[in-house]
Each structure stands twice: as structure tokens, then as C-alpha cells.
PDB file of N, CA and C in Angstrom:
ATOM      1  N   MET A   1     -22.011  17.401   7.556  1.00  0.00           N
ATOM      2  CA  MET A   1     -21.685  16.903   9.187  1.00  0.00           C
ATOM      3  C   MET A   1     -21.009  15.487   9.540  1.00  0.00           C
ATOM      4  N   GLU A   2     -21.276  14.609   8.081  1.00  0.00           N
ATOM      5  CA  GLU A   2     -21.060  13.011   8.403  1.00  0.00           C
ATOM      6  C   GLU A   2     -19.096  13.494   8.842  1.00  0.00           C
ATOM      7  N   THR A   3     -18.715  14.371   8.381  1.00  0.00           N
ATOM      8  CA  THR A   3     -16.793  14.565   8.621  1.00  0.00           C
ATOM      9  C   THR A   3     -16.593  14.882   9.989  1.00  0.00           C
ATOM     10  N   THR A   4     -17.455  15.596  10.458  1.00  0.00           N
ATOM     11  CA  THR A   4     -16.964  16.208  11.574  1.00  0.00           C
ATOM     12  C   THR A   4     -17.655  14.530  12.533  1.00  0.00           C
ATOM     13  N   HIS A   5     -18.482  13.981  12.357  1.00  0.00           N
ATOM     14  CA  HIS A   5     -18.368  12.704  13.149  1.00  0.00           C
ATOM     15  C   HIS A   5     -17.020  12.077  12.915  1.00  0.00           C
ATOM     16  N   GLN A   6     -16.513  11.880  12.002  1.00  0.00           N
ATOM     17  CA  GLN A   6     -15.498  11.080  11.416  1.00  0.00           C
ATOM     18  C   GLN A   6     -13.976  11.804  12.493  1.00  0.00           C
ATOM     19  N   LEU A   7     -14.353  12.837  12.298  1.00  0.00           N
ATOM     20  CA  LEU A   7     -13.026  13.550  13.097  1.00  0.00           C
ATOM     21  C   LEU A   7     -13.328  12.940  14.379  1.00  0.00           C
ATOM     22  N   GLU A   8     -14.179  13.002  15.017  1.00  0.00           N
ATOM     23  CA  GLU A   8     -14.244  12.798  16.268  1.00  0.00           C
ATOM     24  C   GLU A   8     -14.216  11.296  16.495  1.00  0.00           C
ATOM     25  N   ARG A   9     -14.849  10.098  15.468  1.00  0.00           N
ATOM     26  CA  ARG A   9     -14.137   9.075  16.233  1.00  0.00           C
ATOM     27  C   ARG A   9     -12.780   9.067  16.111  1.00  0.00           C
ATOM     28  N   PHE A  10     -12.580   9.513  14.604  1.00  0.00           N
ATOM     29  CA  PHE A  10     -10.551   9.320  14.605  1.00  0.00           C
ATOM     30  C   PHE A  10      -9.975  10.093  16.078  1.00  0.00           C
ATOM     31  N   ILE A  11     -10.213  11.233  16.448  1.00  0.00           N
ATOM     32  CA  ILE A  11      -9.568  11.557  17.550  1.00  0.00           C
ATOM     33  C   ILE A  11      -9.906  10.431  18.678  1.00  0.00           C
ATOM     34  N   ASP A  12     -11.114  10.084  18.895  1.00  0.00           N
ATOM     35  CA  ASP A  12     -11.268   9.025  20.202  1.00  0.00           C
ATOM     36  C   ASP A  12     -10.312   8.084  20.021  1.00  0.00           C
ATOM     37  N   GLU A  13     -10.284   7.099  18.708  1.00  0.00           N
ATOM     38  CA  GLU A  13      -9.583   6.358  18.436  1.00  0.00           C
ATOM     39  C   GLU A  13      -7.766   6.241  18.188  1.00  0.00           C
ATOM     40  N   LEU A  14      -7.724   7.805  18.136  1.00  0.00           N
ATOM     41  CA  LEU A  14      -6.404   8.009  18.191  1.00  0.00           C
ATOM     42  C   LEU A  14      -5.800   8.339  19.711  1.00  0.00           C
ATOM     43  N   ARG A  15      -6.624   8.924  20.523  1.00  0.00           N
ATOM     44  CA  ARG A  15      -6.161   8.840  21.699  1.00  0.00           C
ATOM     45  C   ARG A  15      -6.054   7.348  22.665  1.00  0.00           C
ATOM     46  N   ARG A  16      -7.017   6.269  21.775  1.00  0.00           N
ATOM     47  CA  ARG A  16      -7.060   5.057  22.240  1.00  0.00           C
ATOM     48  C   ARG A  16      -5.505   4.548  22.157  1.00  0.00           C
ATOM     49  N   ARG A  17      -4.902   4.806  21.004  1.00  0.00           N
ATOM     50  CA  ARG A  17      -3.962   4.123  20.682  1.00  0.00           C
ATOM     51  C   ARG A  17      -2.408   5.026  20.646  1.00  0.00           C
ATOM     52  N   TRP A  18      -3.058   6.341  21.111  1.00  0.00           N
ATOM     53  CA  TRP A  18      -1.442   7.046  21.605  1.00  0.00           C
ATOM     54  C   TRP A  18      -0.376   6.365  22.732  1.00  0.00           C
ATOM     55  N   PRO A  19       0.768   6.030  22.433  1.00  0.00           N
ATOM     56  CA  PRO A  19       1.490   6.938  21.403  1.00  0.00           C
ATOM     57  C   PRO A  19       1.907   6.495  20.250  1.00  0.00           C
ATOM     58  N   VAL A  20       1.810   7.257  19.343  1.00  0.00           N
ATOM     59  CA  VAL A  20       2.177   6.675  18.048  1.00  0.00           C
ATOM     60  C   VAL A  20       3.396   7.100  17.046  1.00  0.00           C
ATOM     61  N   ALA A  21       3.910   6.657  16.204  1.00  0.00           N
ATOM     62  CA  ALA A  21       5.410   6.523  16.133  1.00  0.00           C
ATOM     63  C   ALA A  21       5.332   5.868  14.572  1.00  0.00           C
ATOM     64  N   ARG A  22       6.147   6.635  13.668  1.00  0.00           N
ATOM     65  CA  ARG A  22       6.465   6.327  12.454  1.00  0.00           C
ATOM     66  C   ARG A  22       7.913   5.322  12.380  1.00  0.00           C
ATOM     67  N   GLY A  23       7.993   4.862  11.901  1.00  0.00           N
ATOM     68  CA  GLY A  23       9.405   4.382  11.841  1.00  0.00           C
ATOM     69  C   GLY A  23       9.494   2.644  11.616  1.00  0.00           C
ATOM     70  N   SER A  24      10.820   1.614  12.117  1.00  0.00           N
ATOM     71  CA  SER A  24      10.558   0.289  12.163  1.00  0.00           C
ATOM     72  C   SER A  24      11.300   0.123  13.321  1.00  0.00           C
ATOM     73  N   LEU A  25      11.174  -1.641  13.670  1.00  0.00           N
ATOM     74  CA  LEU A  25      11.666  -1.571  15.319  1.00  0.00           C
ATOM     75  C   LEU A  25      12.541  -2.877  14.583  1.00  0.00           C
ATOM     76  N   CYS A  26      14.002  -3.119  14.500  1.00  0.00           N
ATOM     77  CA  CYS A  26      15.136  -4.114  14.262  1.00  0.00           C
ATOM     78  C   CYS A  26      15.620  -4.545  15.889  1.00  0.00           C
ATOM     79  N   GLU A  27      15.556  -6.060  15.573  1.00  0.00           N
ATOM     80  CA  GLU A  27      16.518  -6.487  16.573  1.00  0.00           C
ATOM     81  C   GLU A  27      17.737  -7.089  15.755  1.00  0.00           C
ATOM     82  N   VAL A  28      18.832  -6.555  16.580  1.00  0.00           N
ATOM     83  CA  VAL A  28      20.582  -6.709  15.970  1.00  0.00           C
ATOM     84  C   VAL A  28      21.539  -7.384  16.606  1.00  0.00           C
ATOM     85  N   ALA A  29      22.133  -8.160  16.052  1.00  0.00           N
ATOM     86  CA  ALA A  29      23.517  -8.840  16.969  1.00  0.00           C
ATOM     87  C   ALA A  29      24.490  -7.747  16.904  1.00  0.00           C
ATOM     88  N   LYS A  30      25.153  -7.575  17.697  1.00  0.00           N
ATOM     89  CA  LYS A  30      26.619  -6.903  17.179  1.00  0.00           C
ATOM     90  C   LYS A  30      27.486  -6.829  18.138  1.00  0.00           C
ATOM     91  N   PRO A  31      28.584  -7.053  17.962  1.00  0.00           N
ATOM     92  CA  PRO A  31      29.785  -6.967  19.102  1.00  0.00           C
ATOM     93  C   PRO A  31      29.882  -5.868  19.811  1.00  0.00           C
ATOM     94  N   CYS A  32      29.832  -5.593  21.349  1.00  0.00           N
ATOM     95  CA  CYS A  32      29.723  -4.497  22.211  1.00  0.00           C
ATOM     96  C   CYS A  32      31.443  -3.974  21.818  1.00  0.00           C
ATOM     97  N   VAL A  33      31.409  -2.709  22.406  1.00  0.00           N
ATOM     98  CA  VAL A  33      32.195  -1.830  22.549  1.00  0.00           C
ATOM     99  C   VAL A  33      33.776  -2.263  23.753  1.00  0.00           C
ATOM    100  N   ARG A  34      33.241  -2.983  24.690  1.00  0.00           N
ATOM    101  CA  ARG A  34      34.000  -3.160  25.731  1.00  0.00           C
ATOM    102  C   ARG A  34      35.127  -3.559  25.424  1.00  0.00           C
ATOM    103  N   THR A  35      36.027  -3.563  26.113  1.00  0.00           N
ATOM    104  CA  THR A  35      37.490  -4.288  26.173  1.00  0.00           C
ATOM    105  C   THR A  35      37.186  -5.480  26.497  1.00  0.00           C
ATOM    106  N   GLY A  36      38.156  -6.594  26.425  1.00  0.00           N
ATOM    107  CA  GLY A  36      37.968  -7.749  27.174  1.00  0.00           C
ATOM    108  C   GLY A  36      36.646  -8.810  27.273  1.00  0.00           C
ATOM    109  N   CYS A  37      35.457  -8.177  26.451  1.00  0.00           N
ATOM    110  CA  CYS A  37      34.416  -8.929  26.449  1.00  0.00           C
ATOM    111  C   CYS A  37      34.516 -10.543  26.231  1.00  0.00           C
ATOM    112  N   ALA A  38      34.014 -11.356  27.183  1.00  0.00           N
ATOM    113  CA  ALA A  38      34.427 -12.424  26.943  1.00  0.00           C
ATOM    114  C   ALA A  38      33.431 -13.089  25.885  1.00  0.00           C
ATOM    115  N   ALA A  39      32.021 -12.679  25.554  1.00  0.00           N
ATOM    116  CA  ALA A  39      31.099 -13.104  24.417  1.00  0.00           C
ATOM    117  C   ALA A  39      31.573 -12.796  23.155  1.00  0.00           C
ATOM    118  N   CYS A  40      32.138 -11.391  23.561  1.00  0.00           N
ATOM    119  CA  CYS A  40      32.653 -10.944  22.170  1.00  0.00           C
ATOM    120  C   CYS A  40      33.990 -11.834  21.572  1.00  0.00           C
ATOM    121  N   ALA A  41      34.568 -11.821  22.408  1.00  0.00           N
ATOM    122  CA  ALA A  41      36.284 -12.878  22.335  1.00  0.00           C
ATOM    123  C   ALA A  41      35.653 -14.310  22.137  1.00  0.00           C
ATOM    124  N   HIS A  42      34.915 -15.226  22.097  1.00  0.00           N
ATOM    125  CA  HIS A  42      34.124 -16.308  21.972  1.00  0.00           C
ATOM    126  C   HIS A  42      33.822 -16.176  20.589  1.00  0.00           C
ATOM    127  N   GLY A  43      33.234 -15.332  19.797  1.00  0.00           N
ATOM    128  CA  GLY A  43      32.248 -14.708  18.764  1.00  0.00           C
ATOM    129  C   GLY A  43      30.952 -14.094  18.839  1.00  0.00           C
ATOM    130  N   ASP A  44      30.899 -14.377  19.852  1.00  0.00           N
ATOM    131  CA  ASP A  44      28.850 -14.278  20.325  1.00  0.00           C
ATOM    132  C   ASP A  44      28.733 -12.900  20.207  1.00  0.00           C
ATOM    133  N   LYS A  45      27.869 -12.411  20.270  1.00  0.00           N
ATOM    134  CA  LYS A  45      27.315 -10.801  19.675  1.00  0.00           C
ATOM    135  C   LYS A  45      26.335 -10.906  20.704  1.00  0.00           C
ATOM    136  N   HIS A  46      26.260  -9.267  21.020  1.00  0.00           N
ATOM    137  CA  HIS A  46      24.888  -9.020  21.909  1.00  0.00           C
ATOM    138  C   HIS A  46      23.771  -8.667  20.957  1.00  0.00           C
ATOM    139  N   LEU A  47      22.734  -9.182  21.319  1.00  0.00           N
ATOM    140  CA  LEU A  47      21.517  -8.565  20.883  1.00  0.00           C
ATOM    141  C   LEU A  47      21.125  -7.255  21.407  1.00  0.00           C
ATOM    142  N   SER A  48      20.368  -6.688  20.499  1.00  0.00           N
ATOM    143  CA  SER A  48      20.144  -5.245  20.862  1.00  0.00           C
ATOM    144  C   SER A  48      18.624  -4.412  19.783  1.00  0.00           C
ATOM    145  N   PHE A  49      18.089  -3.699  20.386  1.00  0.00           N
ATOM    146  CA  PHE A  49      17.067  -3.404  19.449  1.00  0.00           C
ATOM    147  C   PHE A  49      17.304  -1.834  18.701  1.00  0.00           C
ATOM    148  N   ILE A  50      17.122  -1.968  17.707  1.00  0.00           N
ATOM    149  CA  ILE A  50      17.594  -0.368  16.922  1.00  0.00           C
ATOM    150  C   ILE A  50      16.244   0.045  16.383  1.00  0.00           C
ATOM    151  N   PHE A  51      15.910   1.361  16.552  1.00  0.00           N
ATOM    152  CA  PHE A  51      14.777   1.882  15.889  1.00  0.00           C
ATOM    153  C   PHE A  51      15.255   2.549  14.348  1.00  0.00           C
ATOM    154  N   SER A  52      14.634   2.608  13.680  1.00  0.00           N
ATOM    155  CA  SER A  52      15.159   2.947  12.075  1.00  0.00           C
ATOM    156  C   SER A  52      13.592   4.586  11.852  1.00  0.00           C
ATOM    157  N   TYR A  53      14.110   5.793  11.525  1.00  0.00           N
ATOM    158  CA  TYR A  53      13.168   6.524  11.146  1.00  0.00           C
ATOM    159  C   TYR A  53      13.920   7.605  10.196  1.00  0.00           C
ATOM    160  N   ARG A  54      12.819   8.373   9.494  1.00  0.00           N
ATOM    161  CA  ARG A  54      13.545   9.281   8.930  1.00  0.00           C
ATOM    162  C   ARG A  54      12.920  10.851   9.247  1.00  0.00           C
ATOM    163  N   GLN A  55      14.053  11.788   9.347  1.00  0.00           N
ATOM    164  CA  GLN A  55      14.228  13.362   9.914  1.00  0.00           C
ATOM    165  C   GLN A  55      14.629  14.314   9.115  1.00  0.00           C
ATOM    166  N   ASP A  56      13.806  14.751   8.211  1.00  0.00           N
ATOM    167  CA  ASP A  56      14.403  16.118   6.894  1.00  0.00           C
ATOM    168  C   ASP A  56      14.858  15.383   6.124  1.00  0.00           C
ATOM    169  N   GLY A  57      14.273  14.503   5.902  1.00  0.00           N
ATOM    170  CA  GLY A  57      14.367  13.380   4.522  1.00  0.00           C
ATOM    171  C   GLY A  57      15.521  12.324   4.668  1.00  0.00           C
ATOM    172  N   LYS A  58      16.273  12.703   5.910  1.00  0.00           N
ATOM    173  CA  LYS A  58      17.435  11.340   6.240  1.00  0.00           C
ATOM    174  C   LYS A  58      17.181  10.600   7.098  1.00  0.00           C
ATOM    175  N   GLN A  59      17.551   9.318   6.801  1.00  0.00           N
ATOM    176  CA  GLN A  59      17.637   8.087   7.539  1.00  0.00           C
ATOM    177  C   GLN A  59      18.193   7.948   8.715  1.00  0.00           C
ATOM    178  N   ARG A  60      17.349   8.268  10.473  1.00  0.00           N
ATOM    179  CA  ARG A  60      18.065   7.838  11.580  1.00  0.00           C
ATOM    180  C   ARG A  60      18.001   6.597  12.019  1.00  0.00           C
ATOM    181  N   CYS A  61      18.916   6.433  12.960  1.00  0.00           N
ATOM    182  CA  CYS A  61      19.034   5.056  13.864  1.00  0.00           C
ATOM    183  C   CYS A  61      19.181   5.461  15.290  1.00  0.00           C
ATOM    184  N   LEU A  62      18.350   4.886  16.420  1.00  0.00           N
ATOM    185  CA  LEU A  62      18.697   4.763  18.041  1.00  0.00           C
ATOM    186  C   LEU A  62      18.443   3.563  18.350  1.00  0.00           C
ATOM    187  N   TYR A  63      19.738   3.526  19.083  1.00  0.00           N
ATOM    188  CA  TYR A  63      19.435   2.205  20.261  1.00  0.00           C
ATOM    189  C   TYR A  63      17.833   2.307  21.366  1.00  0.00           C
ATOM    190  N   VAL A  64      17.295   0.933  21.274  1.00  0.00           N
ATOM    191  CA  VAL A  64      16.012   0.842  21.888  1.00  0.00           C
ATOM    192  C   VAL A  64      16.667   0.310  23.439  1.00  0.00           C
ATOM    193  N   PRO A  65      16.225   1.086  24.686  1.00  0.00           N
ATOM    194  CA  PRO A  65      16.346   0.227  25.364  1.00  0.00           C
ATOM    195  C   PRO A  65      15.488  -0.999  25.700  1.00  0.00           C
ATOM    196  N   ARG A  66      15.814  -2.324  25.980  1.00  0.00           N
ATOM    197  CA  ARG A  66      14.983  -3.144  25.916  1.00  0.00           C
ATOM    198  C   ARG A  66      13.246  -3.311  26.736  1.00  0.00           C
ATOM    199  N   GLU A  67      13.545  -2.603  27.521  1.00  0.00           N
ATOM    200  CA  GLU A  67      12.035  -2.026  28.469  1.00  0.00           C
ATOM    201  C   GLU A  67      11.103  -0.972  27.739  1.00  0.00           C
ATOM    202  N   LEU A  68      11.566  -0.725  26.627  1.00  0.00           N
ATOM    203  CA  LEU A  68      11.003  -0.175  26.128  1.00  0.00           C
ATOM    204  C   LEU A  68      10.171  -0.390  24.595  1.00  0.00           C
ATOM    205  N   VAL A  69      10.565  -1.766  24.528  1.00  0.00           N
ATOM    206  CA  VAL A  69      10.175  -2.034  23.180  1.00  0.00           C
ATOM    207  C   VAL A  69       8.962  -2.025  22.944  1.00  0.00           C
ATOM    208  N   PRO A  70       8.471  -3.260  23.944  1.00  0.00           N
ATOM    209  CA  PRO A  70       7.126  -3.254  23.743  1.00  0.00           C
ATOM    210  C   PRO A  70       6.106  -2.137  23.508  1.00  0.00           C
ATOM    211  N   GLN A  71       6.464  -0.923  24.215  1.00  0.00           N
ATOM    212  CA  GLN A  71       5.684   0.228  24.317  1.00  0.00           C
ATOM    213  C   GLN A  71       6.243   0.633  22.742  1.00  0.00           C
ATOM    214  N   LEU A  72       7.392   0.721  22.286  1.00  0.00           N
ATOM    215  CA  LEU A  72       7.331   1.188  21.171  1.00  0.00           C
ATOM    216  C   LEU A  72       7.185   0.514  20.126  1.00  0.00           C
ATOM    217  N   ARG A  73       6.584  -0.516  20.060  1.00  0.00           N
ATOM    218  CA  ARG A  73       5.991  -1.665  18.788  1.00  0.00           C
ATOM    219  C   ARG A  73       5.067  -1.488  18.895  1.00  0.00           C
ATOM    220  N   ARG A  74       3.954  -0.857  20.057  1.00  0.00           N
ATOM    221  CA  ARG A  74       2.492  -0.503  19.602  1.00  0.00           C
ATOM    222  C   ARG A  74       2.297   0.900  19.555  1.00  0.00           C
ATOM    223  N   ALA A  75       3.227   1.740  19.802  1.00  0.00           N
ATOM    224  CA  ALA A  75       3.337   2.869  18.795  1.00  0.00           C
ATOM    225  C   ALA A  75       3.888   2.768  17.246  1.00  0.00           C
ATOM    226  N   ILE A  76       4.480   1.962  17.041  1.00  0.00           N
ATOM    227  CA  ILE A  76       4.459   1.724  15.416  1.00  0.00           C
ATOM    228  C   ILE A  76       3.311   1.331  14.551  1.00  0.00           C
ATOM    229  N   ALA A  77       2.573   0.310  15.383  1.00  0.00           N
ATOM    230  CA  ALA A  77       1.276  -0.152  14.853  1.00  0.00           C
ATOM    231  C   ALA A  77       0.642   0.848  15.013  1.00  0.00           C
ATOM    232  N   GLY A  78       0.367   1.702  16.078  1.00  0.00           N
ATOM    233  CA  GLY A  78      -0.746   2.927  15.959  1.00  0.00           C
ATOM    234  C   GLY A  78      -0.320   4.071  14.739  1.00  0.00           C
ATOM    235  N   GLY A  79       1.238   4.006  14.741  1.00  0.00           N
ATOM    236  CA  GLY A  79       1.396   5.103  13.696  1.00  0.00           C
ATOM    237  C   GLY A  79       0.710   4.666  12.476  1.00  0.00           C
ATOM    238  N   GLN A  80       1.159   3.218  11.713  1.00  0.00           N
ATOM    239  CA  GLN A  80       0.395   2.747  10.963  1.00  0.00           C
ATOM    240  C   GLN A  80      -1.339   3.020  10.751  1.00  0.00           C
ATOM    241  N   TRP A  81      -1.869   2.745  11.678  1.00  0.00           N
ATOM    242  CA  TRP A  81      -3.198   2.915  11.640  1.00  0.00           C
ATOM    243  C   TRP A  81      -3.494   4.352  11.439  1.00  0.00           C
ATOM    244  N   VAL A  82      -2.706   5.074  12.063  1.00  0.00           N
ATOM    245  CA  VAL A  82      -2.834   6.681  11.521  1.00  0.00           C
ATOM    246  C   VAL A  82      -2.636   7.071  10.346  1.00  0.00           C
ATOM    247  N   GLU A  83      -1.573   6.729   9.619  1.00  0.00           N
ATOM    248  CA  GLU A  83      -1.560   6.466   8.002  1.00  0.00           C
ATOM    249  C   GLU A  83      -2.378   6.183   7.231  1.00  0.00           C
ATOM    250  N   SER A  84      -2.897   4.714   7.427  1.00  0.00           N
ATOM    251  CA  SER A  84      -3.994   4.055   6.496  1.00  0.00           C
ATOM    252  C   SER A  84      -5.237   4.996   6.880  1.00  0.00           C
ATOM    253  N   HIS A  85      -5.385   5.399   8.159  1.00  0.00           N
ATOM    254  CA  HIS A  85      -6.755   6.145   7.810  1.00  0.00           C
ATOM    255  C   HIS A  85      -6.753   7.494   7.632  1.00  0.00           C
ATOM    256  N   MET A  86      -5.422   8.143   7.559  1.00  0.00           N
ATOM    257  CA  MET A  86      -5.414   9.782   7.311  1.00  0.00           C
ATOM    258  C   MET A  86      -5.662   9.816   5.515  1.00  0.00           C
ATOM    259  N   SER A  87      -5.814   8.407   4.716  1.00  0.00           N
ATOM    260  CA  SER A  87      -5.874   8.185   3.507  1.00  0.00           C
ATOM    261  C   SER A  87      -7.319   8.342   3.173  1.00  0.00           C
ATOM    262  N   GLU A  88      -8.074   7.535   4.187  1.00  0.00           N
ATOM    263  CA  GLU A  88      -9.755   7.496   4.110  1.00  0.00           C
ATOM    264  C   GLU A  88     -10.342   9.099   4.311  1.00  0.00           C
ATOM    265  N   LEU A  89      -9.509   9.435   5.132  1.00  0.00           N
ATOM    266  CA  LEU A  89     -10.197  10.706   5.804  1.00  0.00           C
ATOM    267  C   LEU A  89     -10.137  12.048   4.401  1.00  0.00           C
ATOM    268  N   GLY A  90      -8.875  11.805   3.869  1.00  0.00           N
ATOM    269  CA  GLY A  90      -8.618  12.490   2.772  1.00  0.00           C
ATOM    270  C   GLY A  90      -9.778  12.070   1.051  1.00  0.00           C
ATOM    271  N   ALA A  91      -9.827  10.956   0.790  1.00  0.00           N
ATOM    272  CA  ALA A  91     -11.040  10.564   0.082  1.00  0.00           C
ATOM    273  C   ALA A  91     -12.271  10.760   0.660  1.00  0.00           C
ATOM    274  N   ALA A  92     -12.832  11.021   2.044  1.00  0.00           N
ATOM    275  CA  ALA A  92     -13.805  11.587   2.650  1.00  0.00           C
ATOM    276  C   ALA A  92     -13.985  13.066   2.573  1.00  0.00           C
ATOM    277  N   LEU A  93     -13.185  13.510   2.498  1.00  0.00           N
ATOM    278  CA  LEU A  93     -13.163  15.591   2.546  1.00  0.00           C
ATOM    279  C   LEU A  93     -13.783  15.099   0.998  1.00  0.00           C
ATOM    280  N   VAL A  94     -13.052  14.807   0.047  1.00  0.00           N
ATOM    281  CA  VAL A  94     -13.244  14.846  -1.258  1.00  0.00           C
ATOM    282  C   VAL A  94     -15.003  14.674  -1.200  1.00  0.00           C
ATOM    283  N   PHE A  95     -15.373  13.374  -1.012  1.00  0.00           N
ATOM    284  CA  PHE A  95     -16.713  13.193  -1.289  1.00  0.00           C
ATOM    285  C   PHE A  95     -17.791  14.109  -0.436  1.00  0.00           C
ATOM    286  N   ALA A  96     -17.390  14.520   0.692  1.00  0.00           N
ATOM    287  CA  ALA A  96     -18.559  15.218   1.241  1.00  0.00           C
ATOM    288  C   ALA A  96     -18.084  16.872   0.536  1.00  0.00           C
ATOM    289  N   HIS A  97     -17.505  16.859  -0.304  1.00  0.00           N
ATOM    290  CA  HIS A  97     -17.671  18.719  -0.925  1.00  0.00           C
ATOM    291  C   HIS A  97     -18.051  18.250  -1.700  1.00  0.00           C
ATOM    292  N   ARG A  98     -17.973  16.829  -2.670  1.00  0.00           N
ATOM    293  CA  ARG A  98     -18.806  16.800  -3.948  1.00  0.00           C
ATOM    294  C   ARG A  98     -20.284  16.665  -3.591  1.00  0.00           C
ATOM    295  N   GLN A  99     -20.627  16.215  -2.604  1.00  0.00           N
ATOM    296  CA  GLN A  99     -21.583  15.860  -2.166  1.00  0.00           C
ATOM    297  C   GLN A  99     -22.713  17.876  -1.709  1.00  0.00           C
ATOM    298  N   GLN A 100     -21.974  18.277  -1.199  1.00  0.00           N
ATOM    299  CA  GLN A 100     -22.331  19.642  -0.960  1.00  0.00           C
ATOM    300  C   GLN A 100     -22.432  21.016  -2.144  1.00  0.00           C
ATOM    301  N   ARG A 101     -21.883  19.805  -3.028  1.00  0.00           N
ATOM    302  CA  ARG A 101     -21.846  20.796  -4.622  1.00  0.00           C
ATOM    303  C   ARG A 101     -22.860  20.637  -5.166  1.00  0.00           C
ATOM    304  N   GLY A 102     -23.737  19.092  -4.948  1.00  0.00           N
ATOM    305  CA  GLY A 102     -24.602  18.706  -6.047  1.00  0.00           C
ATOM    306  C   GLY A 102     -24.111  17.525  -6.855  1.00  0.00           C
ATOM    307  N   SER A 103     -25.345  17.125  -7.200  1.00  0.00           N
ATOM    308  CA  SER A 103     -24.508  16.146  -8.033  1.00  0.00           C
ATOM    309  C   SER A 103     -24.087  16.870  -9.404  1.00  0.00           C
ATOM    310  N   PRO A 104     -23.097  15.678 -10.400  1.00  0.00           N
ATOM    311  CA  PRO A 104     -23.039  16.484 -11.784  1.00  0.00           C
ATOM    312  C   PRO A 104     -24.298  17.045 -12.591  1.00  0.00           C
ATOM    313  N   ALA A 105     -25.552  16.338 -12.310  1.00  0.00           N
ATOM    314  CA  ALA A 105     -26.012  16.907 -13.691  1.00  0.00           C
ATOM    315  C   ALA A 105     -26.809  17.969 -13.288  1.00  0.00           C
ATOM    316  N   ALA A 106     -27.069  18.653 -11.980  1.00  0.00           N
ATOM    317  CA  ALA A 106     -27.636  19.885 -11.249  1.00  0.00           C
ATOM    318  C   ALA A 106     -25.939  20.446 -11.666  1.00  0.00           C
ATOM    319  N   ARG A 107     -24.886  20.253 -11.688  1.00  0.00           N
ATOM    320  CA  ARG A 107     -23.873  21.438 -11.621  1.00  0.00           C
ATOM    321  C   ARG A 107     -23.581  21.680 -13.225  1.00  0.00           C
ATOM    322  N   ARG A 108     -24.632  20.860 -14.370  1.00  0.00           N
ATOM    323  CA  ARG A 108     -24.745  21.204 -15.732  1.00  0.00           C
ATOM    324  C   ARG A 108     -24.439  22.501 -16.091  1.00  0.00           C
ATOM    325  N   GLY A 109     -26.093  22.879 -15.259  1.00  0.00           N
ATOM    326  CA  GLY A 109     -26.556  24.035 -16.039  1.00  0.00           C
ATOM    327  C   GLY A 109     -26.224  25.458 -15.239  1.00  0.00           C
ATOM    328  N   ARG A 110     -24.934  24.718 -14.667  1.00  0.00           N
ATOM    329  CA  ARG A 110     -23.839  26.190 -13.623  1.00  0.00           C
ATOM    330  C   ARG A 110     -23.109  26.617 -14.188  1.00  0.00           C
ATOM    331  N   ARG A 111     -22.795  25.719 -15.227  1.00  0.00           N
ATOM    332  CA  ARG A 111     -21.340  25.832 -16.127  1.00  0.00           C
ATOM    333  C   ARG A 111     -21.400  27.452 -16.903  1.00  0.00           C
ATOM    334  N   LYS A 112     -20.160  27.728 -17.065  1.00  0.00           N
ATOM    335  CA  LYS A 112     -20.167  28.782 -18.094  1.00  0.00           C
ATOM    336  C   LYS A 112     -19.901  28.171 -19.150  1.00  0.00           C
ATOM    337  N   PRO A 113     -20.664  29.186 -20.344  1.00  0.00           N
ATOM    338  CA  PRO A 113     -20.702  28.419 -21.833  1.00  0.00           C
ATOM    339  C   PRO A 113     -19.148  28.864 -22.508  1.00  0.00           C
ATOM    340  N   LYS A 114     -18.300  27.530 -23.359  1.00  0.00           N
ATOM    341  CA  LYS A 114     -16.939  28.268 -23.841  1.00  0.00           C
ATOM    342  C   LYS A 114     -17.331  29.291 -25.024  1.00  0.00           C
ATOM    343  N   SER A 115     -16.086  29.997 -24.762  1.00  0.00           N
ATOM    344  CA  SER A 115     -16.217  31.303 -25.732  1.00  0.00           C
ATOM    345  C   SER A 115     -15.335  30.939 -27.420  1.00  0.00           C
TER     346      SER A 115
END
């Protein structure tokens, strides 16, 4: 029953952290595409944000509107939390199964003899 309790706690925490995302967010400085941009003509570049992620095994990038940056940062942090807890839940599943089967000493009597 401990795994059921862990699942409920995990789902409650996931709801609290939603939305979640996997990837990275970088701020980059690039020239723009507008012809005659005074800033680019002086060698200045424009700051923007890029979200990098994997899709079907390929690296993808998207420009991110500045107003979405705080929400995306929170989603990435939530995604990192999910990944770390998935490992813990996997280990908990194995331990729960072992506990359900009984101790190693109790199992020795149940093994078939080698032929």
C-alpha cells in the first residue's frame, strides 16, 4: 500500500508544479532580419530566448516570447523534479515487490533444485 500512497503524493506534487517541460532555455544575442535596423548597423545585437528540446531523437529549438520566459523556467524546473522522482518511484516499485515476495531467506525454500 506504500506505493499507492507514494503515487498519490507524487500526483499531488505534480499538480502543484504543473506545467512541466523538458529542455533548456538560453538567452542569445543575434542580429535581426530587418533591413536597415540601426542597432544591427552599429554592431549591436538583439537579445532573445531560445527553448531547446528533443523530439523524435532530434534537437529542436523555438524562439520564446519574453513574457513566456518565467512560466517556461518554472516548467523546466518542474520537469527536472519529475525526472528525479521517476527514478525514486522506480526503485520504490522494486523494493515493494521484494517486500511482497518475502525475505531472501524465506525464498530459499521455494527454489527448484538444480538438475
